């Protein structure tokens, strides 16, 4: 069955994570521009659904992986009466492929075989075109091209309520230049050092900026934020663990600049058009960096991956991760402050 040129119903399979879901929004909205008549259903993770709630023209169906087999049964029951023209299977994890077994679609589109890990190619009947070393977002846009989209320049219209916008305005006045630091990634090894975050914060304060810390409620994030505040000489507003995802998104939209390691809020900021200074040592920022701010990234990835593999970058498979618990220590304060200076001049 060929992929329909003008599909009337499209199912998206992209469960996680926050950053990847932000990339997927750009793809979905590119599809909506090309096929405004299409009914779009998005199967998404429970946490990620909180960020996407209210996304225009999209029905969200939540898959909660923590429920085990019961989660699959609930998903299949919710979609039992639906038959889609196209399924865009945008997650290679085996659990996502198993979930697609209960989704009825004439055409099921997955990654090209080189990227279809965990046997994803067994669960689809079409593949996107291969790409050479794409950013994750560009890889997602090939799913849009598979259904006839030609305008793949990423844009975002993220849903925010008046209450969420008001929350952000209460914390960041309209004319207040503000630096938001989202210091914690999902793994501690990807985090920069508290005293260095503090030094950058103090520099921003010396330039007349307001400085805020934002992040989730995990104990690791709260402790890192507390350590940053303790090391700083100036006053930092600490909102870590005190916002939901929508409130955080609204805050990022009002910020002048965001600093973050390889973590979801960096990509949330991109959706709001806010410049991001990304801090990278474990993953290749050309693949996972903040899409509209790749020129602002401070990266030590290349030096580490070349040492660990004993090969030059040109000979290392794209997306190979560097390993180690102290790689982020090689990011110096001066390099980050220089990016802050450039952002302020811009």
C-alpha atoms as a PDB file:
ATOM      1  CA  UNK A   1       0.000   0.000   0.000  1.00  0.00           C
ATOM      2  CA  UNK A   2       1.620   3.304  -1.094  1.00  0.00           C
ATOM      3  CA  UNK A   3       1.667   6.308   1.237  1.00  0.00           C
ATOM      4  CA  UNK A   4      -1.400   8.462   0.430  1.00  0.00           C
ATOM      5  CA  UNK A   5      -0.627  11.839  -1.163  1.00  0.00           C
ATOM      6  CA  UNK A   6      -3.366  13.564   0.833  1.00  0.00           C
ATOM      7  CA  UNK A   7      -3.890  11.575   4.036  1.00  0.00           C
ATOM      8  CA  UNK A   8      -7.041  12.352   5.983  1.00  0.00           C
ATOM      9  CA  UNK A   9      -5.902  10.651   9.180  1.00  0.00           C
ATOM     10  CA  UNK A  10      -2.382  10.414  10.559  1.00  0.00           C
ATOM     11  CA  UNK A  11      -1.147   8.715  13.705  1.00  0.00           C
ATOM     12  CA  UNK A  12       2.133   9.873  15.259  1.00  0.00           C
ATOM     13  CA  UNK A  13       4.110   7.486  17.487  1.00  0.00           C
ATOM     14  CA  UNK A  14       6.598   9.488  19.537  1.00  0.00           C
ATOM     15  CA  UNK A  15       6.460   8.792  23.242  1.00  0.00           C
ATOM     16  CA  UNK A  16       9.481  10.586  24.669  1.00  0.00           C
ATOM     17  CA  UNK A  17      11.597  12.460  25.644  1.00  0.00           C
ATOM     18  CA  UNK A  18      10.848  16.148  26.220  1.00  0.00           C
ATOM     19  CA  UNK A  19      13.502  17.391  23.799  1.00  0.00           C
ATOM     20  CA  UNK A  20      12.548  14.913  21.089  1.00  0.00           C
ATOM     21  CA  UNK A  21       8.883  15.741  21.538  1.00  0.00           C
ATOM     22  CA  UNK A  22       9.727  19.412  20.974  1.00  0.00           C
ATOM     23  CA  UNK A  23      11.443  18.435  17.711  1.00  0.00           C
ATOM     24  CA  UNK A  24       8.405  16.356  16.770  1.00  0.00           C
ATOM     25  CA  UNK A  25       6.056  19.329  17.270  1.00  0.00           C
ATOM     26  CA  UNK A  26       7.850  21.151  14.460  1.00  0.00           C
ATOM     27  CA  UNK A  27       7.364  18.104  12.222  1.00  0.00           C
ATOM     28  CA  UNK A  28       3.685  17.770  13.118  1.00  0.00           C
ATOM     29  CA  UNK A  29       3.008  21.431  12.455  1.00  0.00           C
ATOM     30  CA  UNK A  30       4.816  21.205   9.107  1.00  0.00           C
ATOM     31  CA  UNK A  31       2.424  18.360   8.229  1.00  0.00           C
ATOM     32  CA  UNK A  32      -0.534  20.470   9.326  1.00  0.00           C
ATOM     33  CA  UNK A  33       0.515  23.294   7.006  1.00  0.00           C
ATOM     34  CA  UNK A  34       0.611  20.875   4.065  1.00  0.00           C
ATOM     35  CA  UNK A  35      -2.445  18.775   5.023  1.00  0.00           C
ATOM     36  CA  UNK A  36      -4.790  21.016   7.026  1.00  0.00           C
ATOM     37  CA  UNK A  37      -7.644  18.575   6.452  1.00  0.00           C
ATOM     38  CA  UNK A  38      -5.843  15.673   8.146  1.00  0.00           C
ATOM     39  CA  UNK A  39      -6.958  14.473  11.558  1.00  0.00           C
ATOM     40  CA  UNK A  40      -3.825  13.921  13.637  1.00  0.00           C
ATOM     41  CA  UNK A  41      -3.627  11.573  16.608  1.00  0.00           C
ATOM     42  CA  UNK A  42      -0.406  11.545  18.632  1.00  0.00           C
ATOM     43  CA  UNK A  43       0.512   8.621  20.899  1.00  0.00           C
ATOM     44  CA  UNK A  44       2.731  10.183  23.554  1.00  0.00           C
ATOM     45  CA  UNK A  45       4.170   9.501  26.996  1.00  0.00           C
ATOM     46  CA  UNK A  46       2.404  10.573  30.157  1.00  0.00           C
ATOM     47  CA  UNK A  47       4.866  13.297  31.186  1.00  0.00           C
ATOM     48  CA  UNK A  48       5.303  14.614  27.651  1.00  0.00           C
ATOM     49  CA  UNK A  49       1.525  14.884  27.264  1.00  0.00           C
ATOM     50  CA  UNK A  50       1.544  17.521  30.007  1.00  0.00           C
ATOM     51  CA  UNK A  51       3.681  19.749  27.788  1.00  0.00           C
ATOM     52  CA  UNK A  52       1.599  19.112  24.651  1.00  0.00           C
ATOM     53  CA  UNK A  53      -1.871  19.483  26.207  1.00  0.00           C
ATOM     54  CA  UNK A  54      -3.907  21.847  24.052  1.00  0.00           C
ATOM     55  CA  UNK A  55      -1.755  21.427  20.926  1.00  0.00           C
ATOM     56  CA  UNK A  56      -3.943  22.776  18.135  1.00  0.00           C
ATOM     57  CA  UNK A  57      -5.502  20.203  15.824  1.00  0.00           C
ATOM     58  CA  UNK A  58      -3.957  17.214  17.596  1.00  0.00           C
ATOM     59  CA  UNK A  59      -5.642  14.492  19.646  1.00  0.00           C
ATOM     60  CA  UNK A  60      -3.284  13.158  22.300  1.00  0.00           C
ATOM     61  CA  UNK A  61      -3.505   9.516  23.356  1.00  0.00           C
ATOM     62  CA  UNK A  62      -1.357   8.782  26.401  1.00  0.00           C
ATOM     63  CA  UNK A  63       0.702   5.607  26.678  1.00  0.00           C
ATOM     64  CA  UNK A  64       1.963   5.043  30.211  1.00  0.00           C
ATOM     65  CA  UNK A  65       4.887   2.623  30.003  1.00  0.00           C
ATOM     66  CA  UNK A  66       4.912   2.238  33.787  1.00  0.00           C
ATOM     67  CA  UNK A  67       1.673   0.262  33.575  1.00  0.00           C
ATOM     68  CA  UNK A  68       3.406  -2.562  31.740  1.00  0.00           C
ATOM     69  CA  UNK A  69       1.094  -4.813  29.737  1.00  0.00           C
ATOM     70  CA  UNK A  70      -1.932  -2.943  31.059  1.00  0.00           C
ATOM     71  CA  UNK A  71      -0.620   0.202  29.337  1.00  0.00           C
ATOM     72  CA  UNK A  72      -0.637  -1.555  25.976  1.00  0.00           C
ATOM     73  CA  UNK A  73      -4.186  -2.812  26.497  1.00  0.00           C
ATOM     74  CA  UNK A  74      -5.412   0.661  27.428  1.00  0.00           C
ATOM     75  CA  UNK A  75      -3.763   2.188  24.357  1.00  0.00           C
ATOM     76  CA  UNK A  76      -5.175  -0.407  21.976  1.00  0.00           C
ATOM     77  CA  UNK A  77      -8.635  -0.048  23.491  1.00  0.00           C
ATOM     78  CA  UNK A  78      -8.491   3.729  22.978  1.00  0.00           C
ATOM     79  CA  UNK A  79      -7.581   3.295  19.296  1.00  0.00           C
ATOM     80  CA  UNK A  80      -9.675   0.199  18.594  1.00  0.00           C
ATOM     81  CA  UNK A  81     -12.270   1.953  16.439  1.00  0.00           C
ATOM     82  CA  UNK A  82      -9.812   4.045  14.441  1.00  0.00           C
ATOM     83  CA  UNK A  83      -8.087   3.217  11.169  1.00  0.00           C
ATOM     84  CA  UNK A  84      -5.460   5.642   9.931  1.00  0.00           C
ATOM     85  CA  UNK A  85      -4.214   6.400   6.453  1.00  0.00           C
ATOM     86  CA  UNK A  86      -0.661   6.719   7.770  1.00  0.00           C
ATOM     87  CA  UNK A  87       1.257   5.855  10.934  1.00  0.00           C
ATOM     88  CA  UNK A  88       4.493   7.818  11.391  1.00  0.00           C
ATOM     89  CA  UNK A  89       6.482   5.542  13.697  1.00  0.00           C
ATOM     90  CA  UNK A  90       9.112   7.968  15.007  1.00  0.00           C
ATOM     91  CA  UNK A  91      10.510   6.039  17.989  1.00  0.00           C
ATOM     92  CA  UNK A  92      12.849   3.085  17.613  1.00  0.00           C
ATOM     93  CA  UNK A  93      12.439   1.685  21.131  1.00  0.00           C
ATOM     94  CA  UNK A  94      10.991  -1.830  21.083  1.00  0.00           C
ATOM     95  CA  UNK A  95       8.211  -0.835  23.493  1.00  0.00           C
ATOM     96  CA  UNK A  96       7.031   1.739  20.941  1.00  0.00           C
ATOM     97  CA  UNK A  97       7.114  -0.817  18.123  1.00  0.00           C
ATOM     98  CA  UNK A  98       5.073  -3.261  20.202  1.00  0.00           C
ATOM     99  CA  UNK A  99       2.564  -0.468  20.846  1.00  0.00           C
ATOM    100  CA  UNK A 100       2.099  -0.020  17.091  1.00  0.00           C
ATOM    101  CA  UNK A 101       0.825  -3.606  16.777  1.00  0.00           C
ATOM    102  CA  UNK A 102      -2.545  -2.380  17.993  1.00  0.00           C
ATOM    103  CA  UNK A 103      -2.666   0.605  15.642  1.00  0.00           C
ATOM    104  CA  UNK A 104      -4.492   0.039  12.352  1.00  0.00           C
ATOM    105  CA  UNK A 105      -2.918   1.979   9.473  1.00  0.00           C
ATOM    106  CA  UNK A 106      -2.714   1.442   5.716  1.00  0.00           C
ATOM    107  CA  UNK A 107       0.870   2.699   5.607  1.00  0.00           C
ATOM    108  CA  UNK A 108       3.313   2.445   8.508  1.00  0.00           C
ATOM    109  CA  UNK A 109       6.420   4.587   8.050  1.00  0.00           C
ATOM    110  CA  UNK A 110       9.596   4.068  10.070  1.00  0.00           C
ATOM    111  CA  UNK A 111      13.244   5.076   9.962  1.00  0.00           C
ATOM    112  CA  UNK A 112      15.564   3.928   7.186  1.00  0.00           C
ATOM    113  CA  UNK A 113      17.227   0.621   7.985  1.00  0.00           C
ATOM    114  CA  UNK A 114      20.468   2.198   9.218  1.00  0.00           C
ATOM    115  CA  UNK A 115      18.553   4.035  11.969  1.00  0.00           C
ATOM    116  CA  UNK A 116      15.771   1.492  12.607  1.00  0.00           C
ATOM    117  CA  UNK A 117      17.316   0.080  15.768  1.00  0.00           C
ATOM    118  CA  UNK A 118      15.729  -2.625  17.959  1.00  0.00           C
ATOM    119  CA  UNK A 119      14.123  -4.190  14.896  1.00  0.00           C
ATOM    120  CA  UNK A 120      11.843  -1.247  14.122  1.00  0.00           C
ATOM    121  CA  UNK A 121      11.962  -2.100  10.415  1.00  0.00           C
ATOM    122  CA  UNK A 122      10.013  -5.289  11.173  1.00  0.00           C
ATOM    123  CA  UNK A 123       6.991  -3.236  12.284  1.00  0.00           C
ATOM    124  CA  UNK A 124       6.646  -0.909   9.261  1.00  0.00           C
ATOM    125  CA  UNK A 125       6.013  -1.211   5.520  1.00  0.00           C
ATOM    126  CA  UNK A 126       7.645   2.063   4.448  1.00  0.00           C
ATOM    127  CA  UNK A 127      10.878   3.830   5.387  1.00  0.00           C
ATOM    128  CA  UNK A 128      11.980   7.448   5.328  1.00  0.00           C
ATOM    129  CA  UNK A 129      14.852   8.430   3.056  1.00  0.00           C
ATOM    130  CA  UNK A 130      18.352   7.873   4.479  1.00  0.00           C
ATOM    131  CA  UNK A 131      20.253  10.948   5.667  1.00  0.00           C
ATOM    132  CA  UNK A 132      23.905  11.647   6.317  1.00  0.00           C
ATOM    133  CA  UNK A 133      24.524  12.787   9.900  1.00  0.00           C
ATOM    134  CA  UNK A 134      21.257  14.661  10.515  1.00  0.00           C
ATOM    135  CA  UNK A 135      20.248  16.554  13.614  1.00  0.00           C
ATOM    136  CA  UNK A 136      17.401  14.700  15.341  1.00  0.00           C
ATOM    137  CA  UNK A 137      14.952  17.369  14.197  1.00  0.00           C
ATOM    138  CA  UNK A 138      16.063  17.027  10.572  1.00  0.00           C
ATOM    139  CA  UNK A 139      15.630  13.276  10.879  1.00  0.00           C
ATOM    140  CA  UNK A 140      12.066  13.816  12.057  1.00  0.00           C
ATOM    141  CA  UNK A 141      11.368  16.163   9.144  1.00  0.00           C
ATOM    142  CA  UNK A 142      11.950  13.273   6.753  1.00  0.00           C
ATOM    143  CA  UNK A 143       8.725  11.786   8.124  1.00  0.00           C
ATOM    144  CA  UNK A 144       6.963  14.959   6.993  1.00  0.00           C
ATOM    145  CA  UNK A 145       8.580  14.633   3.577  1.00  0.00           C
ATOM    146  CA  UNK A 146       7.277  11.063   3.393  1.00  0.00           C
ATOM    147  CA  UNK A 147       3.723  12.465   3.351  1.00  0.00           C
ATOM    148  CA  UNK A 148       4.469  15.121   0.753  1.00  0.00           C
ATOM    149  CA  UNK A 149       5.614  18.064   2.866  1.00  0.00           C
ATOM    150  CA  UNK A 150       8.081  20.368   1.086  1.00  0.00           C
ATOM    151  CA  UNK A 151       8.192  23.282   3.558  1.00  0.00           C
ATOM    152  CA  UNK A 152      10.219  21.750   6.383  1.00  0.00           C
ATOM    153  CA  UNK A 153      11.601  24.921   7.954  1.00  0.00           C
ATOM    154  CA  UNK A 154      10.864  24.341  11.651  1.00  0.00           C
ATOM    155  CA  UNK A 155       8.416  26.631  13.404  1.00  0.00           C
ATOM    156  CA  UNK A 156       6.579  26.095  16.663  1.00  0.00           C
ATOM    157  CA  UNK A 157       3.239  27.138  18.071  1.00  0.00           C
ATOM    158  CA  UNK A 158       3.226  25.719  21.587  1.00  0.00           C
ATOM    159  CA  UNK A 159       0.017  25.845  23.641  1.00  0.00           C
ATOM    160  CA  UNK A 160       0.078  28.166  26.663  1.00  0.00           C
ATOM    161  CA  UNK A 161      -2.879  29.462  28.657  1.00  0.00           C
ATOM    162  CA  UNK A 162      -3.352  32.987  29.963  1.00  0.00           C
ATOM    163  CA  UNK A 163      -2.678  31.674  33.462  1.00  0.00           C
ATOM    164  CA  UNK A 164       0.672  30.213  32.415  1.00  0.00           C
ATOM    165  CA  UNK A 165       1.668  33.386  30.584  1.00  0.00           C
ATOM    166  CA  UNK A 166       0.637  35.438  33.606  1.00  0.00           C
ATOM    167  CA  UNK A 167       2.736  33.214  35.874  1.00  0.00           C
ATOM    168  CA  UNK A 168       5.805  33.923  33.741  1.00  0.00           C
ATOM    169  CA  UNK A 169       5.076  37.657  33.628  1.00  0.00           C
ATOM    170  CA  UNK A 170       4.915  37.768  37.415  1.00  0.00           C
ATOM    171  CA  UNK A 171       8.470  36.440  37.580  1.00  0.00           C
ATOM    172  CA  UNK A 172       9.979  38.217  34.579  1.00  0.00           C
ATOM    173  CA  UNK A 173       8.944  41.798  33.867  1.00  0.00           C
ATOM    174  CA  UNK A 174       8.641  42.799  30.236  1.00  0.00           C
ATOM    175  CA  UNK A 175      11.807  44.917  30.172  1.00  0.00           C
ATOM    176  CA  UNK A 176      13.915  42.784  32.547  1.00  0.00           C
ATOM    177  CA  UNK A 177      16.845  41.056  30.828  1.00  0.00           C
ATOM    178  CA  UNK A 178      16.843  37.580  32.347  1.00  0.00           C
ATOM    179  CA  UNK A 179      19.166  34.610  32.249  1.00  0.00           C
ATOM    180  CA  UNK A 180      17.535  31.285  33.039  1.00  0.00           C
ATOM    181  CA  UNK A 181      19.875  28.453  33.979  1.00  0.00           C
ATOM    182  CA  UNK A 182      18.383  24.958  33.728  1.00  0.00           C
ATOM    183  CA  UNK A 183      21.397  23.223  35.268  1.00  0.00           C
ATOM    184  CA  UNK A 184      20.408  19.569  35.453  1.00  0.00           C
ATOM    185  CA  UNK A 185      20.146  16.840  32.835  1.00  0.00           C
ATOM    186  CA  UNK A 186      18.531  13.460  33.410  1.00  0.00           C
ATOM    187  CA  UNK A 187      21.945  11.956  34.225  1.00  0.00           C
ATOM    188  CA  UNK A 188      24.271  13.619  36.718  1.00  0.00           C
ATOM    189  CA  UNK A 189      27.329  13.046  34.528  1.00  0.00           C
ATOM    190  CA  UNK A 190      25.911  15.488  31.956  1.00  0.00           C
ATOM    191  CA  UNK A 191      25.688  18.315  34.507  1.00  0.00           C
ATOM    192  CA  UNK A 192      28.211  21.111  34.772  1.00  0.00           C
ATOM    193  CA  UNK A 193      29.730  22.037  38.145  1.00  0.00           C
ATOM    194  CA  UNK A 194      27.755  24.117  40.656  1.00  0.00           C
ATOM    195  CA  UNK A 195      30.551  26.612  41.347  1.00  0.00           C
ATOM    196  CA  UNK A 196      31.001  27.261  37.629  1.00  0.00           C
ATOM    197  CA  UNK A 197      27.290  27.828  37.074  1.00  0.00           C
ATOM    198  CA  UNK A 198      27.518  30.265  40.010  1.00  0.00           C
ATOM    199  CA  UNK A 199      30.411  32.172  38.449  1.00  0.00           C
ATOM    200  CA  UNK A 200      28.477  32.599  35.207  1.00  0.00           C
ATOM    201  CA  UNK A 201      25.419  33.669  37.187  1.00  0.00           C
ATOM    202  CA  UNK A 202      27.452  36.291  39.030  1.00  0.00           C
ATOM    203  CA  UNK A 203      28.779  37.626  35.726  1.00  0.00           C
ATOM    204  CA  UNK A 204      25.244  37.925  34.357  1.00  0.00           C
ATOM    205  CA  UNK A 205      24.156  39.715  37.530  1.00  0.00           C
ATOM    206  CA  UNK A 206      27.057  42.137  37.119  1.00  0.00           C
ATOM    207  CA  UNK A 207      25.691  42.971  33.656  1.00  0.00           C
ATOM    208  CA  UNK A 208      22.324  43.938  35.109  1.00  0.00           C
ATOM    209  CA  UNK A 209      20.560  40.667  34.301  1.00  0.00           C
ATOM    210  CA  UNK A 210      18.172  38.834  36.546  1.00  0.00           C
ATOM    211  CA  UNK A 211      19.220  35.213  37.042  1.00  0.00           C
ATOM    212  CA  UNK A 212      16.820  32.345  37.644  1.00  0.00           C
ATOM    213  CA  UNK A 213      17.304  28.617  38.168  1.00  0.00           C
ATOM    214  CA  UNK A 214      14.615  26.355  36.734  1.00  0.00           C
ATOM    215  CA  UNK A 215      14.102  22.603  36.572  1.00  0.00           C
ATOM    216  CA  UNK A 216      12.137  19.626  37.798  1.00  0.00           C
ATOM    217  CA  UNK A 217      11.357  18.289  41.264  1.00  0.00           C
ATOM    218  CA  UNK A 218      13.947  15.481  41.350  1.00  0.00           C
ATOM    219  CA  UNK A 219      16.198  15.553  44.397  1.00  0.00           C
ATOM    220  CA  UNK A 220      19.311  15.684  42.195  1.00  0.00           C
ATOM    221  CA  UNK A 221      18.024  18.864  40.535  1.00  0.00           C
ATOM    222  CA  UNK A 222      17.090  20.503  43.829  1.00  0.00           C
ATOM    223  CA  UNK A 223      20.490  19.742  45.345  1.00  0.00           C
ATOM    224  CA  UNK A 224      22.374  21.090  42.345  1.00  0.00           C
ATOM    225  CA  UNK A 225      20.319  24.283  42.450  1.00  0.00           C
ATOM    226  CA  UNK A 226      20.956  24.699  46.176  1.00  0.00           C
ATOM    227  CA  UNK A 227      24.688  24.261  45.586  1.00  0.00           C
ATOM    228  CA  UNK A 228      24.660  26.910  42.848  1.00  0.00           C
ATOM    229  CA  UNK A 229      22.876  29.397  45.129  1.00  0.00           C
ATOM    230  CA  UNK A 230      25.362  28.656  47.934  1.00  0.00           C
ATOM    231  CA  UNK A 231      28.354  29.328  45.663  1.00  0.00           C
ATOM    232  CA  UNK A 232      26.983  32.506  44.101  1.00  0.00           C
ATOM    233  CA  UNK A 233      27.877  35.935  45.448  1.00  0.00           C
ATOM    234  CA  UNK A 234      24.745  37.607  44.103  1.00  0.00           C
ATOM    235  CA  UNK A 235      21.030  36.928  44.419  1.00  0.00           C
ATOM    236  CA  UNK A 236      19.634  34.120  42.292  1.00  0.00           C
ATOM    237  CA  UNK A 237      15.936  33.290  42.078  1.00  0.00           C
ATOM    238  CA  UNK A 238      15.578  29.534  42.558  1.00  0.00           C
ATOM    239  CA  UNK A 239      12.422  28.049  41.013  1.00  0.00           C
ATOM    240  CA  UNK A 240      13.704  24.493  40.631  1.00  0.00           C
ATOM    241  CA  UNK A 241      10.873  22.097  41.445  1.00  0.00           C
ATOM    242  CA  UNK A 242       8.351  24.941  41.671  1.00  0.00           C
ATOM    243  CA  UNK A 243       6.942  24.967  38.143  1.00  0.00           C
ATOM    244  CA  UNK A 244       5.050  22.553  35.961  1.00  0.00           C
ATOM    245  CA  UNK A 245       6.149  22.022  32.353  1.00  0.00           C
ATOM    246  CA  UNK A 246       3.804  24.648  30.923  1.00  0.00           C
ATOM    247  CA  UNK A 247       4.886  27.267  33.472  1.00  0.00           C
ATOM    248  CA  UNK A 248       8.513  26.471  32.697  1.00  0.00           C
ATOM    249  CA  UNK A 249       7.816  26.825  28.972  1.00  0.00           C
ATOM    250  CA  UNK A 250       6.252  30.237  29.564  1.00  0.00           C
ATOM    251  CA  UNK A 251       9.240  31.353  31.646  1.00  0.00           C
ATOM    252  CA  UNK A 252      11.670  30.204  28.962  1.00  0.00           C
ATOM    253  CA  UNK A 253       9.694  32.231  26.452  1.00  0.00           C
ATOM    254  CA  UNK A 254      10.191  35.424  28.462  1.00  0.00           C
ATOM    255  CA  UNK A 255      13.891  34.836  29.140  1.00  0.00           C
ATOM    256  CA  UNK A 256      16.605  36.738  27.277  1.00  0.00           C
ATOM    257  CA  UNK A 257      18.987  33.788  27.369  1.00  0.00           C
ATOM    258  CA  UNK A 258      19.040  30.178  28.597  1.00  0.00           C
ATOM    259  CA  UNK A 259      22.016  28.071  29.687  1.00  0.00           C
ATOM    260  CA  UNK A 260      21.538  24.308  29.908  1.00  0.00           C
ATOM    261  CA  UNK A 261      23.322  21.004  29.353  1.00  0.00           C
ATOM    262  CA  UNK A 262      21.880  18.269  27.121  1.00  0.00           C
ATOM    263  CA  UNK A 263      18.377  18.378  28.599  1.00  0.00           C
ATOM    264  CA  UNK A 264      14.729  18.935  27.628  1.00  0.00           C
ATOM    265  CA  UNK A 265      14.371  22.588  28.710  1.00  0.00           C
ATOM    266  CA  UNK A 266      17.087  23.600  26.219  1.00  0.00           C
ATOM    267  CA  UNK A 267      14.825  22.395  23.405  1.00  0.00           C
ATOM    268  CA  UNK A 268      11.743  23.881  25.053  1.00  0.00           C
ATOM    269  CA  UNK A 269      13.518  27.243  24.927  1.00  0.00           C
ATOM    270  CA  UNK A 270      14.180  26.749  21.211  1.00  0.00           C
ATOM    271  CA  UNK A 271      10.435  26.406  20.588  1.00  0.00           C
ATOM    272  CA  UNK A 272      10.027  29.847  22.137  1.00  0.00           C
ATOM    273  CA  UNK A 273      12.730  31.474  20.023  1.00  0.00           C
ATOM    274  CA  UNK A 274      14.948  32.092  23.061  1.00  0.00           C
ATOM    275  CA  UNK A 275      18.738  31.865  22.511  1.00  0.00           C
ATOM    276  CA  UNK A 276      20.345  28.881  24.258  1.00  0.00           C
ATOM    277  CA  UNK A 277      23.931  28.290  25.340  1.00  0.00           C
ATOM    278  CA  UNK A 278      24.187  24.501  25.310  1.00  0.00           C
ATOM    279  CA  UNK A 279      26.876  22.726  27.348  1.00  0.00           C
ATOM    280  CA  UNK A 280      27.981  19.429  25.786  1.00  0.00           C
ATOM    281  CA  UNK A 281      30.643  16.793  26.423  1.00  0.00           C
ATOM    282  CA  UNK A 282      28.939  13.385  26.052  1.00  0.00           C
ATOM    283  CA  UNK A 283      26.818  13.710  22.908  1.00  0.00           C
ATOM    284  CA  UNK A 284      27.423  15.367  19.560  1.00  0.00           C
ATOM    285  CA  UNK A 285      25.697  18.767  19.574  1.00  0.00           C
ATOM    286  CA  UNK A 286      25.387  18.583  15.787  1.00  0.00           C
ATOM    287  CA  UNK A 287      22.884  15.798  16.450  1.00  0.00           C
ATOM    288  CA  UNK A 288      21.238  16.788  19.735  1.00  0.00           C
ATOM    289  CA  UNK A 289      22.113  20.447  20.309  1.00  0.00           C
ATOM    290  CA  UNK A 290      19.605  23.325  20.600  1.00  0.00           C
ATOM    291  CA  UNK A 291      18.538  23.532  16.961  1.00  0.00           C
ATOM    292  CA  UNK A 292      18.423  27.299  16.476  1.00  0.00           C
ATOM    293  CA  UNK A 293      21.441  27.996  18.710  1.00  0.00           C
ATOM    294  CA  UNK A 294      24.055  25.516  17.495  1.00  0.00           C
ATOM    295  CA  UNK A 295      26.501  28.401  17.044  1.00  0.00           C
ATOM    296  CA  UNK A 296      26.248  29.166  20.782  1.00  0.00           C
ATOM    297  CA  UNK A 297      27.121  25.668  22.011  1.00  0.00           C
ATOM    298  CA  UNK A 298      30.168  25.207  24.245  1.00  0.00           C
ATOM    299  CA  UNK A 299      31.270  21.656  23.501  1.00  0.00           C
ATOM    300  CA  UNK A 300      34.082  19.378  24.569  1.00  0.00           C
ATOM    301  CA  UNK A 301      32.554  16.398  22.795  1.00  0.00           C
ATOM    302  CA  UNK A 302      35.026  16.202  19.935  1.00  0.00           C
ATOM    303  CA  UNK A 303      38.130  16.173  22.103  1.00  0.00           C
ATOM    304  CA  UNK A 304      36.738  13.404  24.306  1.00  0.00           C
ATOM    305  CA  UNK A 305      35.348  11.171  21.584  1.00  0.00           C
ATOM    306  CA  UNK A 306      38.554  11.387  19.559  1.00  0.00           C
ATOM    307  CA  UNK A 307      40.663  10.440  22.580  1.00  0.00           C
ATOM    308  CA  UNK A 308      38.334   7.593  23.563  1.00  0.00           C
ATOM    309  CA  UNK A 309      38.132   6.091  20.070  1.00  0.00           C
ATOM    310  CA  UNK A 310      41.631   6.977  18.899  1.00  0.00           C
ATOM    311  CA  UNK A 311      40.135   8.247  15.629  1.00  0.00           C
ATOM    312  CA  UNK A 312      39.435  11.651  14.058  1.00  0.00           C
ATOM    313  CA  UNK A 313      35.821  12.846  13.998  1.00  0.00           C
ATOM    314  CA  UNK A 314      35.470  12.023  10.296  1.00  0.00           C
ATOM    315  CA  UNK A 315      35.988   8.321  11.060  1.00  0.00           C
ATOM    316  CA  UNK A 316      33.687   8.085  14.086  1.00  0.00           C
ATOM    317  CA  UNK A 317      30.078   6.929  13.553  1.00  0.00           C
ATOM    318  CA  UNK A 318      27.737   9.900  13.899  1.00  0.00           C
ATOM    319  CA  UNK A 319      25.969   9.970  17.226  1.00  0.00           C
ATOM    320  CA  UNK A 320      28.580   7.938  19.124  1.00  0.00           C
ATOM    321  CA  UNK A 321      28.496   8.959  22.788  1.00  0.00           C
ATOM    322  CA  UNK A 322      31.545   9.735  24.887  1.00  0.00           C
ATOM    323  CA  UNK A 323      31.694   7.976  28.248  1.00  0.00           C
ATOM    324  CA  UNK A 324      32.876   9.218  31.620  1.00  0.00           C
ATOM    325  CA  UNK A 325      31.656  10.888  34.784  1.00  0.00           C
ATOM    326  CA  UNK A 326      33.893  13.970  34.632  1.00  0.00           C
ATOM    327  CA  UNK A 327      33.824  15.002  30.967  1.00  0.00           C
ATOM    328  CA  UNK A 328      31.847  18.169  31.716  1.00  0.00           C
ATOM    329  CA  UNK A 329      34.702  19.365  33.946  1.00  0.00           C
ATOM    330  CA  UNK A 330      36.598  20.359  30.795  1.00  0.00           C
ATOM    331  CA  UNK A 331      34.086  23.114  30.025  1.00  0.00           C
ATOM    332  CA  UNK A 332      35.706  26.250  31.441  1.00  0.00           C
ATOM    333  CA  UNK A 333      33.889  29.268  32.854  1.00  0.00           C
ATOM    334  CA  UNK A 334      35.569  31.699  30.464  1.00  0.00           C
ATOM    335  CA  UNK A 335      34.178  29.967  27.361  1.00  0.00           C
ATOM    336  CA  UNK A 336      30.621  30.139  28.716  1.00  0.00           C
ATOM    337  CA  UNK A 337      30.944  33.764  29.825  1.00  0.00           C
ATOM    338  CA  UNK A 338      32.220  34.649  26.344  1.00  0.00           C
ATOM    339  CA  UNK A 339      29.027  33.188  24.870  1.00  0.00           C
ATOM    340  CA  UNK A 340      26.983  35.226  27.369  1.00  0.00           C
ATOM    341  CA  UNK A 341      28.835  38.365  26.268  1.00  0.00           C
ATOM    342  CA  UNK A 342      28.137  37.608  22.616  1.00  0.00           C
ATOM    343  CA  UNK A 343      24.475  37.008  23.368  1.00  0.00           C
ATOM    344  CA  UNK A 344      24.219  40.309  25.223  1.00  0.00           C
ATOM    345  CA  UNK A 345      25.834  42.157  22.316  1.00  0.00           C
ATOM    346  CA  UNK A 346      23.428  40.477  19.907  1.00  0.00           C
END
